[in-house]
Amino acid sequence: MEAAVQPFEYIHERGDTFLSLFPHRFDYIYAPYPDPGHSPQWRTERRYPLSDRKIRQGNALYGVRFGKTTQYALIDIDATSSYHPHHAPYAIAQILDALEPLGLVEAIACTSSDSGGIHLYLPFPTACTSWKLAIALASHLEGAGFCLKPGQLEIFPNVRPFSEQLALFHAHRLPMQAGSYLLDEDFAPIWSSETRFVHQWRQAQQRNGLDLRVLERCVAKQNTLRRPVSNRAEKFLADLNLELEQGWTGRGQTNHLLGRIALRTYVFHHILEGGKPLSGQELTNQIVAIAQSLPGYSDWCNHQHELEQRAAEWTRCVESSRYFPYGVSKEDSQSNLERLKSGNSTSVENSRNQWNTQQEKTAREKIRNAIADLLNQNSLPVQITDRFKALTEYGIGGSSLYRHKDLWHPAYLTTLDQDISLLEREGRNPNPDQPSEGSTPVTESPHKDRNSSSVQDSKGSSADLLPKPHSSTHNGLRHGIRRAWASIQAMSDRPFPPIVNKLSMDSS
């Protein structure tokens, strides 16, 4: 049986603790020793890795890059930089303050070369992904006001620009070569050796505990795209991310959040995660996975038992909407729609209308929930303007409120209170479903129109059979009807009989 083929690596020299600190040796750089006052002419060797023995020969200057993971970071400050101690004595302390939330609090300072530039090495005990570390470093430094650019301030590993084939990380020269010296607290050169460098490395490594949770939050916030997008698309994605960041914060948000998840996944998933655009069952599965991972899902989502069904409905809606995966031409999107039409034009038309139906359903559900909440708190304003403003505080847009006045506007909700008052004056029970003690119950279909003559006609109607209610129950009945209306409205999307839709919700 043949042994498994092992990837080729450079030969490790046992006992060389210093060089073991820099394990990634592929695509290394080298340069002949320059003349005094001149810069090295660096070249890249891609054919084979750099070995310990080659470094120890000392025939040239050498530098290394970062691999997939790393246990250190490096900050480069040129001698002419605005952040060099000669120009800004406290800049390095401010740099370390900016990196403290990541858990990086101690650095090894040394000169990079005879030019006087400074390298700050930040070792930590646990290996992390290099590109994620780069994003976290850049996020914290730029957030603190530092300008990251060559000649001023550079980070290693660096944030790599997008390309179809990922670029190499930038290389840095190895420390303790010609012109490199350790620096004291005042950034003055001190006696240096590889042994002393390793000793300081170990000390700093013990103090620097990289916080991987903070690092992951930086990556999530950055939303690094695997493909370049336009400014408009980037803003669209940022707006969608903003809506999803907090997840569920209360009741009645499932439809809205599933719609945002579906739209974001359909348009941008292949940009964020790579691969081909999702569709069909794959899109549904991703919508479900994202929804279940959002904050507040288990506490506030009341549709967990039917989440996959809801996600499938949103999949059909978004696929037949005017949106299409980013990077797909409008012509291709239109041809797909035409192909669907040729197969089943009725189904496509229904799917197209379903998007608008879902949007309207979501808006009406939010209004109902807001009204129910205000009623439960006994704080529904009487005046139209005050009521309008109170509803907008629930995240409901003004245009939605104008389109759905029948759910909240007093002009649509006054008739029933007038009818109840009329029944009270005439000595009738305002709640025919609950006859008073000793009366004969009225048999009535539960679906009968409550505006029929059986309620409003005072002559020969079924309401004449109802006895006069006890006066102490009037207020309770009125309050009970309002509460029942709010509860039913919040749970149902079906149209209500006209008289129920005209119930006044003005607080008494």
Protein backbone atom coordinates (compact mmCIF):
# COMPACT_ATOMS: atom_id res chain seq x y z
CA MET A 1 0.00 0.00 0.00
CA GLU A 2 1.44 3.32 -1.07
CA ALA A 3 1.89 6.05 1.52
CA ALA A 4 -0.14 9.24 1.13
CA VAL A 5 1.67 11.99 -0.75
CA GLN A 6 2.71 14.76 1.65
CA PRO A 7 2.97 18.39 0.48
CA PHE A 8 6.53 19.55 0.00
CA GLU A 9 7.92 21.82 2.71
CA TYR A 10 11.24 23.49 3.37
CA ILE A 11 13.68 21.68 5.65
CA HIS A 12 13.26 22.77 9.27
CA GLU A 13 16.46 23.15 11.24
CA ARG A 14 15.89 21.69 14.68
CA GLY A 15 16.62 24.08 17.48
CA ASP A 16 16.39 27.25 15.35
CA THR A 17 13.78 28.93 17.51
CA PHE A 18 14.13 32.33 15.85
CA LEU A 19 13.40 31.22 12.29
CA SER A 20 10.53 29.00 13.46
CA LEU A 21 8.64 32.19 14.31
CA PHE A 22 8.20 32.78 10.55
CA PRO A 23 6.98 29.44 9.16
CA HIS A 24 5.47 30.51 5.82
CA ARG A 25 8.32 30.44 3.28
CA PHE A 26 6.63 30.25 -0.14
CA ASP A 27 6.83 33.20 -2.57
CA TYR A 28 9.59 34.74 -0.49
CA ILE A 29 11.51 37.90 -1.41
CA TYR A 30 15.25 38.47 -1.53
CA ALA A 31 17.67 41.25 -2.45
CA PRO A 32 21.45 41.69 -2.59
CA TYR A 33 22.91 43.90 0.11
CA PRO A 34 22.54 47.50 -1.14
CA ASP A 35 25.19 50.17 -1.14
CA PRO A 36 24.99 52.63 1.79
CA GLY A 37 22.18 55.12 1.28
CA HIS A 38 20.41 52.97 -1.32
CA SER A 39 17.29 50.82 -1.03
CA PRO A 40 17.35 47.04 -1.65
CA GLN A 41 16.13 45.79 -5.04
CA TRP A 42 13.66 43.14 -3.98
CA ARG A 43 12.69 40.17 -6.12
CA THR A 44 10.18 37.35 -5.59
CA GLU A 45 11.08 33.65 -5.82
CA ARG A 46 8.02 31.53 -6.60
CA ARG A 47 9.65 28.25 -7.64
CA TYR A 48 10.53 26.85 -4.23
CA PRO A 49 10.26 27.79 -0.54
CA LEU A 50 12.94 29.54 1.46
CA SER A 51 14.95 27.20 3.68
CA ASP A 52 16.57 27.89 7.03
CA ARG A 53 20.00 27.02 5.62
CA LYS A 54 19.67 29.55 2.81
CA ILE A 55 18.88 32.29 5.33
CA ARG A 56 21.81 31.23 7.50
CA GLN A 57 24.22 31.50 4.59
CA GLY A 58 23.72 35.27 4.79
CA ASN A 59 24.36 35.96 1.11
CA ALA A 60 21.36 38.31 0.78
CA LEU A 61 18.49 39.97 2.58
CA TYR A 62 15.31 37.88 2.86
CA GLY A 63 11.65 38.48 3.53
CA VAL A 64 8.55 36.32 3.92
CA ARG A 65 4.80 36.54 3.35
CA PHE A 66 1.76 35.31 5.25
CA GLY A 67 -0.03 32.03 4.64
CA LYS A 68 -3.64 31.10 5.33
CA THR A 69 -3.13 31.43 9.07
CA THR A 70 -0.76 33.41 11.25
CA GLN A 71 0.27 33.90 14.87
CA TYR A 72 1.57 37.43 14.52
CA ALA A 73 0.86 40.77 12.90
CA LEU A 74 3.28 43.49 11.84
CA ILE A 75 2.91 47.27 11.58
CA ASP A 76 5.38 49.21 9.43
CA ILE A 77 6.06 52.91 10.11
CA ASP A 78 8.45 54.60 7.68
CA ALA A 79 11.06 57.10 8.90
CA THR A 80 9.27 59.90 7.02
CA SER A 81 5.82 58.90 8.30
CA SER A 82 3.69 61.34 10.27
CA TYR A 83 3.35 58.57 12.88
CA HIS A 84 7.08 58.08 13.48
CA PRO A 85 8.22 58.97 17.03
CA HIS A 86 10.41 61.75 15.63
CA HIS A 87 7.26 63.50 14.35
CA ALA A 88 4.57 62.22 16.74
CA PRO A 89 5.97 60.96 20.06
CA TYR A 90 2.65 59.40 21.17
CA ALA A 91 1.46 57.94 17.86
CA ILE A 92 2.65 54.38 18.57
CA ALA A 93 0.94 54.42 21.97
CA GLN A 94 -2.26 55.52 20.22
CA ILE A 95 -1.86 52.71 17.68
CA LEU A 96 -1.67 50.15 20.48
CA ASP A 97 -4.68 51.75 22.17
CA ALA A 98 -6.65 51.33 18.94
CA LEU A 99 -5.75 47.62 18.80
CA GLU A 100 -6.50 46.92 22.46
CA PRO A 101 -10.13 45.81 21.78
CA LEU A 102 -8.65 43.01 19.66
CA GLY A 103 -6.56 41.89 22.61
CA LEU A 104 -3.27 43.18 21.18
CA VAL A 105 -1.62 45.25 23.90
CA GLU A 106 2.14 44.69 23.60
CA ALA A 107 4.49 44.98 20.62
CA ILE A 108 8.16 44.31 19.90
CA ALA A 109 9.69 47.42 18.35
CA CYS A 110 12.74 47.23 16.12
CA THR A 111 14.22 49.16 13.24
CA SER A 112 13.41 47.72 9.86
CA SER A 113 16.70 48.82 8.28
CA ASP A 114 19.31 51.58 8.33
CA SER A 115 16.65 53.96 6.98
CA GLY A 116 15.21 54.37 10.49
CA GLY A 117 11.77 52.90 9.85
CA ILE A 118 10.10 50.98 12.67
CA HIS A 119 8.49 47.53 12.66
CA LEU A 120 6.05 46.64 15.44
CA TYR A 121 5.61 42.87 15.86
CA LEU A 122 2.41 41.73 17.59
CA PRO A 123 2.59 37.98 18.40
CA PHE A 124 -0.33 36.04 19.92
CA PRO A 125 -0.69 32.41 21.02
CA THR A 126 -3.63 31.19 18.91
CA ALA A 127 -3.43 31.02 15.11
CA CYS A 128 -6.12 32.90 13.20
CA THR A 129 -7.09 33.37 9.55
CA SER A 130 -4.78 35.89 7.94
CA TRP A 131 -7.33 37.76 5.82
CA LYS A 132 -9.69 38.11 8.78
CA LEU A 133 -6.88 39.52 10.91
CA ALA A 134 -6.10 42.02 8.15
CA ILE A 135 -9.69 43.26 8.11
CA ALA A 136 -9.77 43.59 11.90
CA LEU A 137 -6.48 45.51 12.00
CA ALA A 138 -7.59 47.89 9.27
CA SER A 139 -11.02 48.39 10.82
CA HIS A 140 -9.67 49.37 14.23
CA LEU A 141 -6.84 51.57 12.98
CA GLU A 142 -8.92 53.43 10.41
CA GLY A 143 -11.70 53.76 12.96
CA ALA A 144 -9.21 55.52 15.24
CA GLY A 145 -8.29 57.98 12.49
CA PHE A 146 -5.05 56.45 11.18
CA CYS A 147 -4.33 56.58 7.46
CA LEU A 148 -3.21 53.24 6.04
CA LYS A 149 -1.04 53.76 2.98
CA PRO A 150 2.54 53.07 1.86
CA GLY A 151 5.04 55.48 3.32
CA GLN A 152 2.82 56.28 6.30
CA LEU A 153 1.37 53.23 7.99
CA GLU A 154 1.14 49.67 6.62
CA ILE A 155 -0.24 46.50 8.17
CA PHE A 156 0.85 42.91 7.60
CA PRO A 157 -1.09 40.86 6.68
CA ASN A 158 -2.67 43.46 4.43
CA VAL A 159 -6.24 43.69 3.20
CA ARG A 160 -6.04 42.19 -0.27
CA PRO A 161 -7.91 43.78 -3.20
CA PHE A 162 -10.41 41.67 -5.07
CA SER A 163 -9.31 39.66 -8.08
CA GLU A 164 -10.54 36.45 -9.68
CA GLN A 165 -7.30 34.88 -8.46
CA LEU A 166 -6.51 36.10 -4.96
CA ALA A 167 -3.32 38.15 -4.76
CA LEU A 168 -0.46 37.25 -2.45
CA PHE A 169 -0.13 38.98 0.88
CA HIS A 170 2.57 41.64 0.98
CA ALA A 171 6.01 40.47 2.09
CA HIS A 172 8.09 41.94 4.90
CA ARG A 173 11.81 41.62 5.54
CA LEU A 174 12.90 39.35 8.37
CA PRO A 175 14.11 41.08 11.57
CA MET A 176 17.61 40.97 13.01
CA GLN A 177 19.28 41.25 9.59
CA ALA A 178 21.67 44.04 8.61
CA GLY A 179 20.37 47.40 9.87
CA SER A 180 17.72 45.88 12.19
CA TYR A 181 17.97 46.55 15.96
CA LEU A 182 15.66 46.20 18.91
CA LEU A 183 14.35 49.47 20.39
CA ASP A 184 13.74 50.44 24.00
CA GLU A 185 10.74 52.31 25.41
CA ASP A 186 12.11 55.58 24.02
CA PHE A 187 12.62 53.96 20.59
CA ALA A 188 16.39 54.13 20.90
CA PRO A 189 18.49 51.19 19.58
CA ILE A 190 19.70 48.67 22.16
CA TRP A 191 21.98 45.66 22.03
CA SER A 192 20.19 43.08 19.91
CA SER A 193 20.34 39.39 19.15
CA GLU A 194 17.99 36.70 17.88
CA THR A 195 17.86 35.18 21.37
CA ARG A 196 16.75 38.47 22.90
CA PHE A 197 14.21 38.94 20.12
CA VAL A 198 12.72 35.48 20.85
CA HIS A 199 12.59 36.30 24.56
CA GLN A 200 10.63 39.50 23.93
CA TRP A 201 8.42 37.63 21.46
CA ARG A 202 7.45 35.07 24.12
CA GLN A 203 6.71 37.78 26.66
CA ALA A 204 4.49 39.72 24.26
CA GLN A 205 2.79 36.52 23.12
CA GLN A 206 1.68 35.79 26.68
CA ARG A 207 0.12 39.24 27.04
CA ASN A 208 -1.59 39.38 23.64
CA GLY A 209 -4.74 37.25 23.76
CA LEU A 210 -6.38 37.80 20.37
CA ASP A 211 -10.15 38.01 20.87
CA LEU A 212 -11.60 35.93 18.03
CA ARG A 213 -15.16 37.12 18.75
CA VAL A 214 -14.19 40.73 18.17
CA LEU A 215 -12.33 39.67 15.04
CA GLU A 216 -15.41 37.89 13.66
CA ARG A 217 -17.59 40.92 14.37
CA CYS A 218 -15.17 43.09 12.41
CA VAL A 219 -15.37 40.71 9.47
CA ALA A 220 -19.18 40.62 9.59
CA LYS A 221 -19.37 44.41 9.79
CA GLN A 222 -16.95 44.86 6.94
CA ASN A 223 -18.99 42.55 4.67
CA THR A 224 -16.01 41.95 2.45
CA LEU A 225 -17.27 41.17 -1.04
CA ARG A 226 -15.81 38.38 -3.11
CA ARG A 227 -16.59 40.37 -6.27
CA PRO A 228 -16.56 44.12 -6.89
CA VAL A 229 -19.94 45.87 -6.96
CA SER A 230 -21.07 49.36 -7.90
CA ASN A 231 -21.64 52.07 -5.32
CA ARG A 232 -25.41 51.77 -5.73
CA ALA A 233 -25.31 48.00 -5.24
CA GLU A 234 -23.07 48.37 -2.20
CA LYS A 235 -25.52 50.86 -0.65
CA PHE A 236 -28.43 48.53 -1.42
CA LEU A 237 -26.60 45.67 0.30
CA ALA A 238 -25.72 47.87 3.28
CA ASP A 239 -29.38 48.87 3.67
CA LEU A 240 -30.48 45.23 3.62
CA ASN A 241 -27.81 44.31 6.16
CA LEU A 242 -28.95 47.15 8.41
CA GLU A 243 -32.51 45.81 8.43
CA LEU A 244 -31.33 42.30 9.32
CA GLU A 245 -28.68 43.16 11.93
CA GLN A 246 -31.05 43.30 14.91
CA GLY A 247 -33.19 40.37 13.79
CA TRP A 248 -36.50 39.98 15.61
CA THR A 249 -37.22 42.64 18.24
CA GLY A 250 -40.96 42.02 18.65
CA ARG A 251 -44.06 40.37 17.24
CA GLY A 252 -45.32 40.69 13.68
CA GLN A 253 -41.90 40.95 12.00
CA THR A 254 -41.57 37.52 10.38
CA ASN A 255 -42.98 38.38 6.95
CA HIS A 256 -40.90 41.54 6.67
CA LEU A 257 -37.65 39.88 7.75
CA LEU A 258 -38.15 36.84 5.53
CA GLY A 259 -38.73 39.18 2.60
CA ARG A 260 -35.50 41.09 3.30
CA ILE A 261 -33.56 37.83 3.75
CA ALA A 262 -34.96 36.43 0.51
CA LEU A 263 -34.10 39.58 -1.44
CA ARG A 264 -30.57 39.84 -0.04
CA THR A 265 -29.85 36.15 -0.62
CA TYR A 266 -31.29 36.10 -4.13
CA VAL A 267 -29.43 39.21 -5.29
CA PHE A 268 -26.11 39.02 -3.41
CA HIS A 269 -25.41 35.49 -2.09
CA HIS A 270 -23.01 34.59 -4.93
CA ILE A 271 -21.22 37.90 -4.41
CA LEU A 272 -20.79 37.39 -0.67
CA GLU A 273 -20.11 33.66 -0.58
CA GLY A 274 -18.96 32.84 -4.10
CA GLY A 275 -20.41 30.23 -6.45
CA LYS A 276 -23.51 30.57 -8.60
CA PRO A 277 -26.68 32.51 -7.74
CA LEU A 278 -29.13 30.48 -5.64
CA SER A 279 -32.61 29.55 -6.81
CA GLY A 280 -35.38 27.11 -5.99
CA GLN A 281 -34.90 24.82 -3.03
CA GLU A 282 -31.30 25.97 -2.47
CA LEU A 283 -32.53 29.54 -2.05
CA THR A 284 -35.28 28.39 0.32
CA ASN A 285 -32.80 26.44 2.45
CA GLN A 286 -30.51 29.45 2.72
CA ILE A 287 -33.39 31.73 3.73
CA VAL A 288 -34.32 29.28 6.50
CA ALA A 289 -30.71 29.02 7.71
CA ILE A 290 -30.23 32.80 7.86
CA ALA A 291 -33.57 33.37 9.59
CA GLN A 292 -32.79 30.81 12.29
CA SER A 293 -29.41 32.45 12.93
CA LEU A 294 -30.78 35.98 13.47
CA PRO A 295 -31.14 37.42 16.98
CA GLY A 296 -34.58 37.09 18.55
CA TYR A 297 -35.74 34.25 16.27
CA SER A 298 -36.57 31.78 19.05
CA ASP A 299 -38.14 34.49 21.24
CA TRP A 300 -40.31 36.42 18.77
CA CYS A 301 -40.87 34.38 15.60
CA ASN A 302 -44.33 32.77 15.90
CA HIS A 303 -44.02 30.92 12.59
CA GLN A 304 -41.18 28.54 13.45
CA HIS A 305 -43.43 25.54 12.74
CA GLU A 306 -44.02 26.74 9.17
CA LEU A 307 -40.77 28.58 8.49
CA GLU A 308 -39.80 26.47 5.48
CA GLN A 309 -43.23 26.97 3.90
CA ARG A 310 -42.99 30.74 4.38
CA ALA A 311 -39.44 30.72 2.98
CA ALA A 312 -40.62 28.79 -0.09
CA GLU A 313 -43.35 31.37 -0.69
CA TRP A 314 -40.80 34.18 -0.54
CA THR A 315 -38.52 32.23 -2.89
CA ARG A 316 -41.27 32.15 -5.51
CA CYS A 317 -42.03 35.82 -4.94
CA VAL A 318 -38.48 37.09 -5.28
CA GLU A 319 -37.72 34.90 -8.30
CA SER A 320 -40.68 36.37 -10.18
CA SER A 321 -40.07 39.95 -9.03
CA ARG A 322 -38.27 42.76 -10.84
CA TYR A 323 -35.03 41.90 -8.99
CA PHE A 324 -32.37 39.55 -10.30
CA PRO A 325 -28.96 38.26 -9.11
CA TYR A 326 -26.24 40.90 -9.23
CA GLY A 327 -24.05 40.55 -12.30
CA VAL A 328 -26.77 38.88 -14.38
CA SER A 329 -27.69 41.08 -17.32
CA LYS A 330 -31.20 42.43 -17.67
CA GLU A 331 -31.47 40.63 -21.00
CA ASP A 332 -30.73 37.28 -19.36
CA SER A 333 -33.19 38.02 -16.60
CA GLN A 334 -35.86 39.01 -19.12
CA SER A 335 -35.22 35.90 -21.21
CA ASN A 336 -35.69 33.74 -18.13
CA LEU A 337 -38.99 35.46 -17.46
CA GLU A 338 -40.10 34.95 -21.06
CA ARG A 339 -39.15 31.29 -20.82
CA LEU A 340 -41.31 30.96 -17.74
CA LYS A 341 -44.15 32.71 -19.54
CA SER A 342 -43.96 30.31 -22.47
CA GLY A 343 -44.24 27.40 -20.04
CA ASN A 344 -47.11 28.69 -17.93
CA SER A 345 -48.12 32.31 -18.37
CA THR A 346 -50.89 32.13 -15.78
CA SER A 347 -48.54 30.80 -13.13
CA VAL A 348 -45.99 33.51 -13.85
CA GLU A 349 -48.62 36.24 -13.62
CA ASN A 350 -49.83 34.87 -10.32
CA SER A 351 -46.27 34.71 -8.99
CA ARG A 352 -45.64 38.29 -10.09
CA ASN A 353 -48.75 39.49 -8.26
CA GLN A 354 -47.85 37.43 -5.21
CA TRP A 355 -44.91 39.74 -4.45
CA ASN A 356 -47.19 42.77 -4.11
CA THR A 357 -49.68 40.72 -2.11
CA GLN A 358 -47.00 39.71 0.37
CA GLN A 359 -45.85 43.31 0.76
CA GLU A 360 -49.42 44.48 1.40
CA LYS A 361 -50.00 41.61 3.82
CA THR A 362 -46.91 42.57 5.80
CA ALA A 363 -47.97 46.23 6.03
CA ARG A 364 -51.49 45.41 7.20
CA GLU A 365 -50.19 42.96 9.77
CA LYS A 366 -47.88 45.61 11.24
CA ILE A 367 -50.76 48.11 11.49
CA ARG A 368 -53.01 45.56 13.21
CA ASN A 369 -50.32 44.64 15.70
CA ALA A 370 -49.64 48.31 16.46
CA ILE A 371 -53.34 49.04 17.02
CA ALA A 372 -53.66 45.99 19.27
CA ASP A 373 -50.64 47.08 21.31
CA LEU A 374 -51.97 50.63 21.74
CA LEU A 375 -55.36 49.27 22.80
CA ASN A 376 -53.77 46.93 25.32
CA GLN A 377 -51.92 49.91 26.79
CA ASN A 378 -55.11 52.03 26.67
CA SER A 379 -53.08 54.68 24.85
CA LEU A 380 -54.65 54.89 21.38
CA PRO A 381 -54.91 58.65 20.58
CA VAL A 382 -58.31 60.12 19.73
CA GLN A 383 -57.15 62.75 17.23
CA ILE A 384 -56.25 61.64 13.71
CA THR A 385 -52.84 63.35 13.61
CA ASP A 386 -51.82 62.00 17.01
CA ARG A 387 -52.94 58.52 16.04
CA PHE A 388 -51.01 58.74 12.78
CA LYS A 389 -47.83 59.77 14.62
CA ALA A 390 -48.27 57.03 17.22
CA LEU A 391 -48.47 54.39 14.49
CA THR A 392 -45.38 55.67 12.69
CA GLU A 393 -43.40 55.05 15.88
CA TYR A 394 -43.97 51.33 15.25
CA GLY A 395 -41.92 51.54 12.06
CA ILE A 396 -44.92 51.92 9.74
CA GLY A 397 -44.47 54.27 6.80
CA GLY A 398 -46.85 57.11 6.09
CA SER A 399 -47.69 55.77 2.62
CA SER A 400 -48.73 52.43 4.15
CA LEU A 401 -51.00 54.19 6.63
CA TYR A 402 -52.68 56.20 3.85
CA ARG A 403 -53.27 53.03 1.78
CA HIS A 404 -54.79 51.15 4.72
CA LYS A 405 -56.93 53.80 6.44
CA ASP A 406 -59.66 51.23 7.03
CA LEU A 407 -57.54 49.71 9.80
CA TRP A 408 -56.98 52.84 11.90
CA HIS A 409 -58.69 56.05 10.68
CA PRO A 410 -61.64 57.21 12.87
CA ALA A 411 -63.67 58.11 9.77
CA TYR A 412 -63.81 54.41 8.90
CA LEU A 413 -64.34 53.27 12.49
CA THR A 414 -67.25 55.27 13.97
CA THR A 415 -70.50 53.57 12.96
CA LEU A 416 -70.46 50.74 15.49
CA ASP A 417 -70.18 52.99 18.52
CA GLN A 418 -73.20 54.93 17.21
CA ASP A 419 -75.12 51.67 16.75
CA ILE A 420 -74.22 50.52 20.27
CA SER A 421 -75.37 53.83 21.76
CA LEU A 422 -78.66 53.59 19.83
CA LEU A 423 -79.28 50.08 21.14
CA GLU A 424 -78.57 51.21 24.68
CA ARG A 425 -81.09 54.09 24.44
CA GLU A 426 -83.76 51.75 23.04
CA GLY A 427 -83.13 49.20 25.80
CA ARG A 428 -81.50 46.51 23.65
CA ASN A 429 -78.49 44.34 24.29
CA PRO A 430 -75.49 45.77 22.38
CA ASN A 431 -73.90 42.33 22.39
CA PRO A 432 -76.47 39.96 20.76
CA ASP A 433 -74.05 37.05 21.02
CA GLN A 434 -74.38 37.15 24.86
CA PRO A 435 -78.13 37.44 25.82
CA SER A 436 -78.98 38.52 29.33
CA GLU A 437 -80.08 36.03 31.97
CA GLY A 438 -83.59 34.70 31.35
CA SER A 439 -83.75 35.69 27.68
CA THR A 440 -84.16 33.43 24.69
CA PRO A 441 -80.94 33.03 22.70
CA VAL A 442 -81.14 34.16 19.09
CA THR A 443 -79.92 31.57 16.62
CA GLU A 444 -77.85 33.30 13.94
CA SER A 445 -75.28 32.17 11.43
CA PRO A 446 -71.79 33.27 12.56
CA HIS A 447 -71.12 34.53 9.05
CA LYS A 448 -74.26 36.66 8.74
CA ASP A 449 -73.75 40.30 7.80
CA ARG A 450 -73.94 42.32 10.99
CA ASN A 451 -75.28 45.32 8.99
CA SER A 452 -78.47 43.41 8.19
CA SER A 453 -81.91 44.50 9.39
CA SER A 454 -81.78 42.01 12.26
CA VAL A 455 -79.66 44.57 14.13
CA GLN A 456 -80.60 47.98 12.75
CA ASP A 457 -84.35 47.60 12.07
CA SER A 458 -86.28 48.21 15.30
CA LYS A 459 -89.59 46.81 13.99
CA GLY A 460 -90.14 43.07 13.83
CA SER A 461 -86.44 42.32 13.88
CA SER A 462 -84.68 39.64 15.87
CA ALA A 463 -83.22 42.39 18.04
CA ASP A 464 -86.74 42.98 19.47
CA LEU A 465 -86.40 39.62 21.22
CA LEU A 466 -83.47 40.89 23.26
CA PRO A 467 -84.22 42.20 26.77
CA LYS A 468 -82.73 45.33 28.24
CA PRO A 469 -79.25 44.64 29.60
CA HIS A 470 -78.10 45.51 33.07
CA SER A 471 -76.64 49.03 33.07
CA SER A 472 -73.53 47.89 34.94
CA THR A 473 -72.43 45.83 31.95
CA HIS A 474 -72.47 48.61 29.31
CA ASN A 475 -68.88 49.75 29.71
CA GLY A 476 -67.59 46.19 30.03
CA LEU A 477 -69.33 45.15 26.83
CA ARG A 478 -67.95 48.10 24.91
CA HIS A 479 -64.42 47.43 26.19
CA GLY A 480 -64.78 43.70 25.49
CA ILE A 481 -65.85 44.30 21.90
CA ARG A 482 -62.86 46.54 21.29
CA ARG A 483 -60.45 43.99 22.77
CA ALA A 484 -62.00 41.15 20.76
CA TRP A 485 -61.74 43.19 17.56
CA ALA A 486 -58.08 43.95 18.17
CA SER A 487 -57.26 40.32 18.93
CA ILE A 488 -59.10 38.97 15.90
CA GLN A 489 -57.64 41.60 13.59
CA ALA A 490 -54.11 40.79 14.78
CA MET A 491 -54.54 37.09 14.02
CA SER A 492 -56.43 37.16 10.74
CA ASP A 493 -55.83 38.48 7.23
CA ARG A 494 -59.42 37.86 6.00
CA PRO A 495 -61.80 40.80 5.36
CA PHE A 496 -64.24 41.51 8.17
CA PRO A 497 -67.99 42.33 7.88
CA PRO A 498 -68.52 46.05 7.26
CA ILE A 499 -69.87 46.91 10.72
CA VAL A 500 -66.88 45.35 12.45
CA ASN A 501 -64.48 47.22 10.20
CA LYS A 502 -66.19 50.44 11.32
CA LEU A 503 -65.61 49.91 15.04
CA SER A 504 -64.37 53.08 16.71
CA MET A 505 -61.07 52.53 18.45
CA ASP A 506 -61.13 55.95 20.14
CA SER A 507 -60.22 55.36 23.74
CA SER A 508 -63.13 56.09 26.05
